[in-house]
């Protein structure tokens, strides 16, 4: 069952609305590390512009960083869905014709 152009555009509009409400975000992952002396610390690791980065995170900032990581994950989900819908919409506009092999 194929969807109409209007249905796809409505879903894209919902995604755009959702993106505009996201707030602060940060890519990467947060992990608790241990030094050889047994001391623990938080480490944020991420890639940006083709380069890897690592930051130490103060315990007081861990909750905020976790929220930013969760927001970034939601951002990725929404943009991935948006691209898939744009591809579907493009095929629909061309009448379903494609050169896929």
PDB file of N, CA and C in Angstrom:
ATOM      1  N   UNK A   1       0.849  -1.170   0.000  1.00  0.00           N
ATOM      2  CA  UNK A   1       0.000   0.000   0.000  1.00  0.00           C
ATOM      3  C   UNK A   1       0.894   1.232   0.000  1.00  0.00           C
ATOM      4  N   UNK A   2       0.761   2.025  -1.040  1.00  0.00           N
ATOM      5  CA  UNK A   2       1.587   3.224  -1.107  1.00  0.00           C
ATOM      6  C   UNK A   2       0.850   4.396  -0.470  1.00  0.00           C
ATOM      7  N   UNK A   3       1.635   5.296   0.071  1.00  0.00           N
ATOM      8  CA  UNK A   3       1.064   6.463   0.721  1.00  0.00           C
ATOM      9  C   UNK A   3       1.015   7.615  -0.265  1.00  0.00           C
ATOM     10  N   UNK A   4       0.150   8.561   0.010  1.00  0.00           N
ATOM     11  CA  UNK A   4       0.026   9.716  -0.868  1.00  0.00           C
ATOM     12  C   UNK A   4       1.107  10.740  -0.552  1.00  0.00           C
ATOM     13  N   UNK A   5       1.313  11.631  -1.493  1.00  0.00           N
ATOM     14  CA  UNK A   5       2.275  12.705  -1.322  1.00  0.00           C
ATOM     15  C   UNK A   5       1.913  13.554  -0.105  1.00  0.00           C
ATOM     16  N   UNK A   6       0.641  13.819   0.083  1.00  0.00           N
ATOM     17  CA  UNK A   6       0.188  14.625   1.220  1.00  0.00           C
ATOM     18  C   UNK A   6       0.506  13.941   2.551  1.00  0.00           C
ATOM     19  N   UNK A   7       0.354  12.622   2.628  1.00  0.00           N
ATOM     20  CA  UNK A   7       0.660  11.898   3.860  1.00  0.00           C
ATOM     21  C   UNK A   7       2.146  11.965   4.191  1.00  0.00           C
ATOM     22  N   UNK A   8       2.962  11.808   3.171  1.00  0.00           N
ATOM     23  CA  UNK A   8       4.406  11.863   3.372  1.00  0.00           C
ATOM     24  C   UNK A   8       4.815  13.268   3.804  1.00  0.00           C
ATOM     25  N   UNK A   9       4.293  14.277   3.130  1.00  0.00           N
ATOM     26  CA  UNK A   9       4.626  15.663   3.483  1.00  0.00           C
ATOM     27  C   UNK A   9       4.157  16.020   4.890  1.00  0.00           C
ATOM     28  N   UNK A  10       3.034  15.453   5.313  1.00  0.00           N
ATOM     29  CA  UNK A  10       2.544  15.695   6.672  1.00  0.00           C
ATOM     30  C   UNK A  10       3.495  15.074   7.697  1.00  0.00           C
ATOM     31  N   UNK A  11       4.005  13.891   7.412  1.00  0.00           N
ATOM     32  CA  UNK A  11       4.949  13.260   8.333  1.00  0.00           C
ATOM     33  C   UNK A  11       6.264  14.044   8.384  1.00  0.00           C
ATOM     34  N   UNK A  12       6.714  14.548   7.233  1.00  0.00           N
ATOM     35  CA  UNK A  12       7.919  15.380   7.197  1.00  0.00           C
ATOM     36  C   UNK A  12       7.711  16.644   8.035  1.00  0.00           C
ATOM     37  N   UNK A  13       6.541  17.248   7.931  1.00  0.00           N
ATOM     38  CA  UNK A  13       6.244  18.446   8.729  1.00  0.00           C
ATOM     39  C   UNK A  13       6.300  18.131  10.221  1.00  0.00           C
ATOM     40  N   UNK A  14       5.805  16.961  10.635  1.00  0.00           N
ATOM     41  CA  UNK A  14       5.865  16.556  12.036  1.00  0.00           C
ATOM     42  C   UNK A  14       7.312  16.374  12.487  1.00  0.00           C
ATOM     43  N   UNK A  15       8.141  15.797  11.619  1.00  0.00           N
ATOM     44  CA  UNK A  15       9.552  15.608  11.949  1.00  0.00           C
ATOM     45  C   UNK A  15      10.232  16.962  12.131  1.00  0.00           C
ATOM     46  N   UNK A  16       9.960  17.901  11.229  1.00  0.00           N
ATOM     47  CA  UNK A  16      10.552  19.238  11.338  1.00  0.00           C
ATOM     48  C   UNK A  16      10.140  19.908  12.642  1.00  0.00           C
ATOM     49  N   UNK A  17       8.889  19.745  13.011  1.00  0.00           N
ATOM     50  CA  UNK A  17       8.395  20.320  14.265  1.00  0.00           C
ATOM     51  C   UNK A  17       9.127  19.677  15.445  1.00  0.00           C
ATOM     52  N   UNK A  18       9.291  18.365  15.385  1.00  0.00           N
ATOM     53  CA  UNK A  18      10.002  17.661  16.449  1.00  0.00           C
ATOM     54  C   UNK A  18      11.454  18.098  16.551  1.00  0.00           C
ATOM     55  N   UNK A  19      12.094  18.312  15.412  1.00  0.00           N
ATOM     56  CA  UNK A  19      13.491  18.763  15.411  1.00  0.00           C
ATOM     57  C   UNK A  19      13.635  20.137  16.049  1.00  0.00           C
ATOM     58  N   UNK A  20      12.674  21.003  15.801  1.00  0.00           N
ATOM     59  CA  UNK A  20      12.766  22.365  16.320  1.00  0.00           C
ATOM     60  C   UNK A  20      12.626  22.424  17.843  1.00  0.00           C
ATOM     61  N   UNK A  21      12.120  21.354  18.441  1.00  0.00           N
ATOM     62  CA  UNK A  21      11.893  21.327  19.887  1.00  0.00           C
ATOM     63  C   UNK A  21      12.971  20.566  20.660  1.00  0.00           C
ATOM     64  N   UNK A  22      13.988  20.086  19.988  1.00  0.00           N
ATOM     65  CA  UNK A  22      14.941  19.186  20.635  1.00  0.00           C
ATOM     66  C   UNK A  22      15.776  19.818  21.741  1.00  0.00           C
ATOM     67  N   UNK A  23      16.353  20.955  21.527  1.00  0.00           N
ATOM     68  CA  UNK A  23      17.210  21.547  22.557  1.00  0.00           C
ATOM     69  C   UNK A  23      18.657  21.130  22.417  1.00  0.00           C
ATOM     70  N   UNK A  24      19.412  21.277  23.495  1.00  0.00           N
ATOM     71  CA  UNK A  24      20.853  21.005  23.495  1.00  0.00           C
ATOM     72  C   UNK A  24      21.136  19.539  23.223  1.00  0.00           C
ATOM     73  N   UNK A  25      22.201  19.302  22.437  1.00  0.00           N
ATOM     74  CA  UNK A  25      22.574  17.930  22.110  1.00  0.00           C
ATOM     75  C   UNK A  25      24.077  17.817  21.965  1.00  0.00           C
ATOM     76  N   UNK A  26      24.562  16.587  22.031  1.00  0.00           N
ATOM     77  CA  UNK A  26      25.988  16.319  21.859  1.00  0.00           C
ATOM     78  C   UNK A  26      26.131  14.881  21.366  1.00  0.00           C
ATOM     79  N   UNK A  27      26.978  14.655  20.362  1.00  0.00           N
ATOM     80  CA  UNK A  27      27.207  13.282  19.905  1.00  0.00           C
ATOM     81  C   UNK A  27      28.147  12.549  20.857  1.00  0.00           C
ATOM     82  N   UNK A  28      28.139  11.250  20.770  1.00  0.00           N
ATOM     83  CA  UNK A  28      29.134  10.469  21.488  1.00  0.00           C
ATOM     84  C   UNK A  28      28.572   9.497  22.494  1.00  0.00           C
ATOM     85  N   UNK A  29      29.492   9.046  23.341  1.00  0.00           N
ATOM     86  CA  UNK A  29      29.102   8.115  24.404  1.00  0.00           C
ATOM     87  C   UNK A  29      29.840   8.500  25.683  1.00  0.00           C
ATOM     88  N   UNK A  30      29.183   8.223  26.773  1.00  0.00           N
ATOM     89  CA  UNK A  30      29.716   8.563  28.084  1.00  0.00           C
ATOM     90  C   UNK A  30      30.003   7.266  28.832  1.00  0.00           C
ATOM     91  N   UNK A  31      31.197   7.189  29.401  1.00  0.00           N
ATOM     92  CA  UNK A  31      31.545   5.976  30.139  1.00  0.00           C
ATOM     93  C   UNK A  31      32.305   6.328  31.414  1.00  0.00           C
ATOM     94  N   UNK A  32      32.181   5.446  32.362  1.00  0.00           N
ATOM     95  CA  UNK A  32      32.910   5.600  33.629  1.00  0.00           C
ATOM     96  C   UNK A  32      34.208   4.808  33.479  1.00  0.00           C
ATOM     97  N   UNK A  33      35.303   5.455  33.764  1.00  0.00           N
ATOM     98  CA  UNK A  33      36.620   4.838  33.627  1.00  0.00           C
ATOM     99  C   UNK A  33      37.285   4.734  35.004  1.00  0.00           C
ATOM    100  N   UNK A  34      38.257   3.838  35.098  1.00  0.00           N
ATOM    101  CA  UNK A  34      39.012   3.695  36.343  1.00  0.00           C
ATOM    102  C   UNK A  34      40.489   3.879  36.043  1.00  0.00           C
ATOM    103  N   UNK A  35      41.112   4.649  36.887  1.00  0.00           N
ATOM    104  CA  UNK A  35      42.564   4.794  36.810  1.00  0.00           C
ATOM    105  C   UNK A  35      43.197   3.604  37.527  1.00  0.00           C
ATOM    106  N   UNK A  36      44.489   3.416  37.322  1.00  0.00           N
ATOM    107  CA  UNK A  36      45.180   2.289  37.956  1.00  0.00           C
ATOM    108  C   UNK A  36      45.147   2.393  39.478  1.00  0.00           C
ATOM    109  N   UNK A  37      44.999   3.605  39.990  1.00  0.00           N
ATOM    110  CA  UNK A  37      44.934   3.803  41.443  1.00  0.00           C
ATOM    111  C   UNK A  37      43.537   3.530  41.995  1.00  0.00           C
ATOM    112  N   UNK A  38      42.608   3.181  41.141  1.00  0.00           N
ATOM    113  CA  UNK A  38      41.254   2.880  41.577  1.00  0.00           C
ATOM    114  C   UNK A  38      40.298   4.057  41.529  1.00  0.00           C
ATOM    115  N   UNK A  39      40.784   5.249  41.210  1.00  0.00           N
ATOM    116  CA  UNK A  39      39.917   6.424  41.107  1.00  0.00           C
ATOM    117  C   UNK A  39      39.052   6.314  39.860  1.00  0.00           C
ATOM    118  N   UNK A  40      37.807   6.765  39.977  1.00  0.00           N
ATOM    119  CA  UNK A  40      36.889   6.734  38.831  1.00  0.00           C
ATOM    120  C   UNK A  40      36.687   8.129  38.281  1.00  0.00           C
ATOM    121  N   UNK A  41      36.422   8.182  36.970  1.00  0.00           N
ATOM    122  CA  UNK A  41      36.109   9.448  36.313  1.00  0.00           C
ATOM    123  C   UNK A  41      35.204   9.170  35.119  1.00  0.00           C
ATOM    124  N   UNK A  42      34.549  10.209  34.621  1.00  0.00           N
ATOM    125  CA  UNK A  42      33.648  10.093  33.476  1.00  0.00           C
ATOM    126  C   UNK A  42      34.353  10.601  32.230  1.00  0.00           C
ATOM    127  N   UNK A  43      34.150   9.877  31.130  1.00  0.00           N
ATOM    128  CA  UNK A  43      34.800  10.228  29.871  1.00  0.00           C
ATOM    129  C   UNK A  43      33.758  10.291  28.757  1.00  0.00           C
ATOM    130  N   UNK A  44      33.759  11.381  28.013  1.00  0.00           N
ATOM    131  CA  UNK A  44      32.890  11.558  26.851  1.00  0.00           C
ATOM    132  C   UNK A  44      33.747  11.382  25.606  1.00  0.00           C
ATOM    133  N   UNK A  45      33.379  10.437  24.751  1.00  0.00           N
ATOM    134  CA  UNK A  45      34.100  10.179  23.508  1.00  0.00           C
ATOM    135  C   UNK A  45      33.158  10.401  22.340  1.00  0.00           C
ATOM    136  N   UNK A  46      33.660  11.089  21.298  1.00  0.00           N
ATOM    137  CA  UNK A  46      32.841  11.333  20.125  1.00  0.00           C
ATOM    138  C   UNK A  46      33.715  11.650  18.918  1.00  0.00           C
ATOM    139  N   UNK A  47      33.114  11.571  17.733  1.00  0.00           N
ATOM    140  CA  UNK A  47      33.771  11.958  16.495  1.00  0.00           C
ATOM    141  C   UNK A  47      33.046  13.159  15.918  1.00  0.00           C
ATOM    142  N   UNK A  48      33.825  14.090  15.404  1.00  0.00           N
ATOM    143  CA  UNK A  48      33.256  15.269  14.750  1.00  0.00           C
ATOM    144  C   UNK A  48      34.240  15.727  13.677  1.00  0.00           C
ATOM    145  N   UNK A  49      33.719  15.981  12.494  1.00  0.00           N
ATOM    146  CA  UNK A  49      34.538  16.403  11.355  1.00  0.00           C
ATOM    147  C   UNK A  49      35.669  15.415  11.080  1.00  0.00           C
ATOM    148  N   UNK A  50      35.361  14.143  11.222  1.00  0.00           N
ATOM    149  CA  UNK A  50      36.331  13.112  10.896  1.00  0.00           C
ATOM    150  C   UNK A  50      37.431  12.903  11.920  1.00  0.00           C
ATOM    151  N   UNK A  51      37.299  13.520  13.068  1.00  0.00           N
ATOM    152  CA  UNK A  51      38.321  13.387  14.105  1.00  0.00           C
ATOM    153  C   UNK A  51      37.691  12.914  15.405  1.00  0.00           C
ATOM    154  N   UNK A  52      38.432  12.086  16.121  1.00  0.00           N
ATOM    155  CA  UNK A  52      37.970  11.605  17.410  1.00  0.00           C
ATOM    156  C   UNK A  52      38.318  12.590  18.514  1.00  0.00           C
ATOM    157  N   UNK A  53      37.448  12.681  19.498  1.00  0.00           N
ATOM    158  CA  UNK A  53      37.643  13.588  20.622  1.00  0.00           C
ATOM    159  C   UNK A  53      37.294  12.865  21.918  1.00  0.00           C
ATOM    160  N   UNK A  54      37.969  13.251  22.985  1.00  0.00           N
ATOM    161  CA  UNK A  54      37.695  12.726  24.311  1.00  0.00           C
ATOM    162  C   UNK A  54      37.717  13.877  25.291  1.00  0.00           C
ATOM    163  N   UNK A  55      36.718  13.944  26.153  1.00  0.00           N
ATOM    164  CA  UNK A  55      36.662  14.963  27.193  1.00  0.00           C
ATOM    165  C   UNK A  55      36.380  14.303  28.532  1.00  0.00           C
ATOM    166  N   UNK A  56      36.977  14.857  29.562  1.00  0.00           N
ATOM    167  CA  UNK A  56      36.640  14.440  30.913  1.00  0.00           C
ATOM    168  C   UNK A  56      35.407  15.226  31.339  1.00  0.00           C
ATOM    169  N   UNK A  57      34.507  14.565  32.043  1.00  0.00           N
ATOM    170  CA  UNK A  57      33.259  15.194  32.484  1.00  0.00           C
ATOM    171  C   UNK A  57      33.221  15.180  34.009  1.00  0.00           C
ATOM    172  N   UNK A  58      32.962  16.337  34.581  1.00  0.00           N
ATOM    173  CA  UNK A  58      32.844  16.433  36.036  1.00  0.00           C
ATOM    174  C   UNK A  58      31.572  15.705  36.493  1.00  0.00           C
ATOM    175  N   UNK A  59      31.612  15.102  37.656  1.00  0.00           N
ATOM    176  CA  UNK A  59      30.429  14.392  38.166  1.00  0.00           C
ATOM    177  C   UNK A  59      29.174  15.267  38.191  1.00  0.00           C
ATOM    178  N   UNK A  60      29.325  16.539  38.466  1.00  0.00           N
ATOM    179  CA  UNK A  60      28.173  17.444  38.514  1.00  0.00           C
ATOM    180  C   UNK A  60      27.538  17.651  37.146  1.00  0.00           C
ATOM    181  N   UNK A  61      28.283  17.383  36.071  1.00  0.00           N
ATOM    182  CA  UNK A  61      27.786  17.600  34.707  1.00  0.00           C
ATOM    183  C   UNK A  61      27.270  16.329  34.027  1.00  0.00           C
ATOM    184  N   UNK A  62      27.407  15.192  34.674  1.00  0.00           N
ATOM    185  CA  UNK A  62      27.047  13.910  34.056  1.00  0.00           C
ATOM    186  C   UNK A  62      25.578  13.860  33.643  1.00  0.00           C
ATOM    187  N   UNK A  63      24.678  14.304  34.488  1.00  0.00           N
ATOM    188  CA  UNK A  63      23.240  14.244  34.167  1.00  0.00           C
ATOM    189  C   UNK A  63      22.931  15.079  32.923  1.00  0.00           C
ATOM    190  N   UNK A  64      23.496  16.278  32.832  1.00  0.00           N
ATOM    191  CA  UNK A  64      23.267  17.134  31.671  1.00  0.00           C
ATOM    192  C   UNK A  64      23.829  16.500  30.398  1.00  0.00           C
ATOM    193  N   UNK A  65      25.024  15.939  30.476  1.00  0.00           N
ATOM    194  CA  UNK A  65      25.635  15.300  29.313  1.00  0.00           C
ATOM    195  C   UNK A  65      24.789  14.109  28.859  1.00  0.00           C
ATOM    196  N   UNK A  66      24.267  13.346  29.788  1.00  0.00           N
ATOM    197  CA  UNK A  66      23.400  12.212  29.431  1.00  0.00           C
ATOM    198  C   UNK A  66      22.156  12.693  28.682  1.00  0.00           C
ATOM    199  N   UNK A  67      21.577  13.811  29.125  1.00  0.00           N
ATOM    200  CA  UNK A  67      20.412  14.372  28.420  1.00  0.00           C
ATOM    201  C   UNK A  67      20.797  14.818  27.010  1.00  0.00           C
ATOM    202  N   UNK A  68      21.947  15.447  26.871  1.00  0.00           N
ATOM    203  CA  UNK A  68      22.406  15.908  25.558  1.00  0.00           C
ATOM    204  C   UNK A  68      22.664  14.733  24.622  1.00  0.00           C
ATOM    205  N   UNK A  69      23.215  13.652  25.138  1.00  0.00           N
ATOM    206  CA  UNK A  69      23.456  12.451  24.325  1.00  0.00           C
ATOM    207  C   UNK A  69      22.133  11.832  23.869  1.00  0.00           C
ATOM    208  N   UNK A  70      21.165  11.791  24.770  1.00  0.00           N
ATOM    209  CA  UNK A  70      19.843  11.239  24.430  1.00  0.00           C
ATOM    210  C   UNK A  70      19.163  12.111  23.367  1.00  0.00           C
ATOM    211  N   UNK A  71      19.293  13.419  23.499  1.00  0.00           N
ATOM    212  CA  UNK A  71      18.717  14.339  22.517  1.00  0.00           C
ATOM    213  C   UNK A  71      19.375  14.165  21.159  1.00  0.00           C
ATOM    214  N   UNK A  72      20.692  13.970  21.152  1.00  0.00           N
ATOM    215  CA  UNK A  72      21.394  13.760  19.882  1.00  0.00           C
ATOM    216  C   UNK A  72      20.924  12.465  19.215  1.00  0.00           C
ATOM    217  N   UNK A  73      20.694  11.430  20.001  1.00  0.00           N
ATOM    218  CA  UNK A  73      20.190  10.166  19.442  1.00  0.00           C
ATOM    219  C   UNK A  73      18.821  10.374  18.802  1.00  0.00           C
ATOM    220  N   UNK A  74      17.964  11.136  19.454  1.00  0.00           N
ATOM    221  CA  UNK A  74      16.641  11.446  18.884  1.00  0.00           C
ATOM    222  C   UNK A  74      16.791  12.248  17.598  1.00  0.00           C
ATOM    223  N   UNK A  75      17.731  13.200  17.574  1.00  0.00           N
ATOM    224  CA  UNK A  75      18.026  13.974  16.374  1.00  0.00           C
ATOM    225  C   UNK A  75      18.401  13.044  15.220  1.00  0.00           C
ATOM    226  N   UNK A  76      19.262  12.089  15.482  1.00  0.00           N
ATOM    227  CA  UNK A  76      19.683  11.147  14.434  1.00  0.00           C
ATOM    228  C   UNK A  76      18.515  10.306  13.927  1.00  0.00           C
ATOM    229  N   UNK A  77      17.652   9.855  14.840  1.00  0.00           N
ATOM    230  CA  UNK A  77      16.480   9.069  14.440  1.00  0.00           C
ATOM    231  C   UNK A  77      15.563   9.890  13.540  1.00  0.00           C
ATOM    232  N   UNK A  78      15.303  11.134  13.928  1.00  0.00           N
ATOM    233  CA  UNK A  78      14.402  11.982  13.149  1.00  0.00           C
ATOM    234  C   UNK A  78      14.983  12.319  11.783  1.00  0.00           C
ATOM    235  N   UNK A  79      16.268  12.641  11.722  1.00  0.00           N
ATOM    236  CA  UNK A  79      16.853  12.998  10.418  1.00  0.00           C
ATOM    237  C   UNK A  79      16.956  11.782   9.501  1.00  0.00           C
ATOM    238  N   UNK A  80      17.219  10.620  10.064  1.00  0.00           N
ATOM    239  CA  UNK A  80      17.245   9.398   9.253  1.00  0.00           C
ATOM    240  C   UNK A  80      15.872   9.129   8.656  1.00  0.00           C
ATOM    241  N   UNK A  81      14.832   9.291   9.468  1.00  0.00           N
ATOM    242  CA  UNK A  81      13.462   9.094   8.981  1.00  0.00           C
ATOM    243  C   UNK A  81      13.110  10.128   7.925  1.00  0.00           C
ATOM    244  N   UNK A  82      13.528  11.376   8.129  1.00  0.00           N
ATOM    245  CA  UNK A  82      13.256  12.450   7.177  1.00  0.00           C
ATOM    246  C   UNK A  82      13.877  12.127   5.811  1.00  0.00           C
ATOM    247  N   UNK A  83      15.114  11.678   5.807  1.00  0.00           N
ATOM    248  CA  UNK A  83      15.773  11.331   4.543  1.00  0.00           C
ATOM    249  C   UNK A  83      15.033  10.190   3.850  1.00  0.00           C
ATOM    250  N   UNK A  84      14.615   9.186   4.596  1.00  0.00           N
ATOM    251  CA  UNK A  84      13.873   8.065   4.005  1.00  0.00           C
ATOM    252  C   UNK A  84      12.562   8.553   3.387  1.00  0.00           C
ATOM    253  N   UNK A  85      11.895   9.466   4.065  1.00  0.00           N
ATOM    254  CA  UNK A  85      10.638  10.010   3.527  1.00  0.00           C
ATOM    255  C   UNK A  85      10.878  10.854   2.282  1.00  0.00           C
ATOM    256  N   UNK A  86      11.964  11.608   2.263  1.00  0.00           N
ATOM    257  CA  UNK A  86      12.284  12.415   1.077  1.00  0.00           C
ATOM    258  C   UNK A  86      12.575  11.527  -0.118  1.00  0.00           C
ATOM    259  N   UNK A  87      13.230  10.403   0.097  1.00  0.00           N
ATOM    260  CA  UNK A  87      13.489   9.449  -0.984  1.00  0.00           C
ATOM    261  C   UNK A  87      12.171   8.876  -1.493  1.00  0.00           C
ATOM    262  N   UNK A  88      11.306   8.489  -0.562  1.00  0.00           N
ATOM    263  CA  UNK A  88       9.992   7.959  -0.935  1.00  0.00           C
ATOM    264  C   UNK A  88       9.184   8.995  -1.720  1.00  0.00           C
ATOM    265  N   UNK A  89       9.221  10.231  -1.262  1.00  0.00           N
ATOM    266  CA  UNK A  89       8.495  11.318  -1.914  1.00  0.00           C
ATOM    267  C   UNK A  89       9.051  11.590  -3.308  1.00  0.00           C
ATOM    268  N   UNK A  90      10.354  11.553  -3.441  1.00  0.00           N
ATOM    269  CA  UNK A  90      10.989  11.771  -4.739  1.00  0.00           C
ATOM    270  C   UNK A  90      10.568  10.697  -5.743  1.00  0.00           C
ATOM    271  N   UNK A  91      10.551   9.446  -5.298  1.00  0.00           N
ATOM    272  CA  UNK A  91      10.114   8.353  -6.171  1.00  0.00           C
ATOM    273  C   UNK A  91       8.652   8.522  -6.564  1.00  0.00           C
ATOM    274  N   UNK A  92       7.826   8.942  -5.618  1.00  0.00           N
ATOM    275  CA  UNK A  92       6.407   9.149  -5.884  1.00  0.00           C
ATOM    276  C   UNK A  92       6.207  10.256  -6.913  1.00  0.00           C
ATOM    277  N   UNK A  93       6.970  11.318  -6.783  1.00  0.00           N
ATOM    278  CA  UNK A  93       6.868  12.444  -7.724  1.00  0.00           C
ATOM    279  C   UNK A  93       7.306  12.059  -9.133  1.00  0.00           C
ATOM    280  N   UNK A  94       8.236  11.147  -9.226  1.00  0.00           N
ATOM    281  CA  UNK A  94       8.704  10.690 -10.538  1.00  0.00           C
ATOM    282  C   UNK A  94       7.825   9.567 -11.082  1.00  0.00           C
ATOM    283  N   UNK A  95       6.757   9.267 -10.389  1.00  0.00           N
ATOM    284  CA  UNK A  95       5.849   8.218 -10.839  1.00  0.00           C
ATOM    285  C   UNK A  95       6.333   6.820 -10.566  1.00  0.00           C
ATOM    286  N   UNK A  96       7.202   6.690  -9.578  1.00  0.00           N
ATOM    287  CA  UNK A  96       7.692   5.359  -9.213  1.00  0.00           C
ATOM    288  C   UNK A  96       8.775   4.849 -10.111  1.00  0.00           C
ATOM    289  N   UNK A  97       9.180   5.616 -11.087  1.00  0.00           N
ATOM    290  CA  UNK A  97      10.241   5.181 -12.001  1.00  0.00           C
ATOM    291  C   UNK A  97      11.584   5.387 -11.312  1.00  0.00           C
ATOM    292  N   UNK A  98      12.425   4.402 -11.360  1.00  0.00           N
ATOM    293  CA  UNK A  98      13.786   4.553 -10.835  1.00  0.00           C
ATOM    294  C   UNK A  98      14.724   3.683 -11.638  1.00  0.00           C
ATOM    295  N   UNK A  99      15.982   3.955 -11.526  1.00  0.00           N
ATOM    296  CA  UNK A  99      17.008   3.213 -12.248  1.00  0.00           C
ATOM    297  C   UNK A  99      17.719   2.237 -11.326  1.00  0.00           C
ATOM    298  N   UNK A 100      17.045   1.799 -10.280  1.00  0.00           N
ATOM    299  CA  UNK A 100      17.663   0.869  -9.326  1.00  0.00           C
ATOM    300  C   UNK A 100      17.920  -0.457 -10.005  1.00  0.00           C
ATOM    301  N   UNK A 101      19.028  -1.069  -9.634  1.00  0.00           N
ATOM    302  CA  UNK A 101      19.388  -2.362 -10.213  1.00  0.00           C
ATOM    303  C   UNK A 101      19.545  -3.390  -9.139  1.00  0.00           C
TER     304      UNK A 101
END
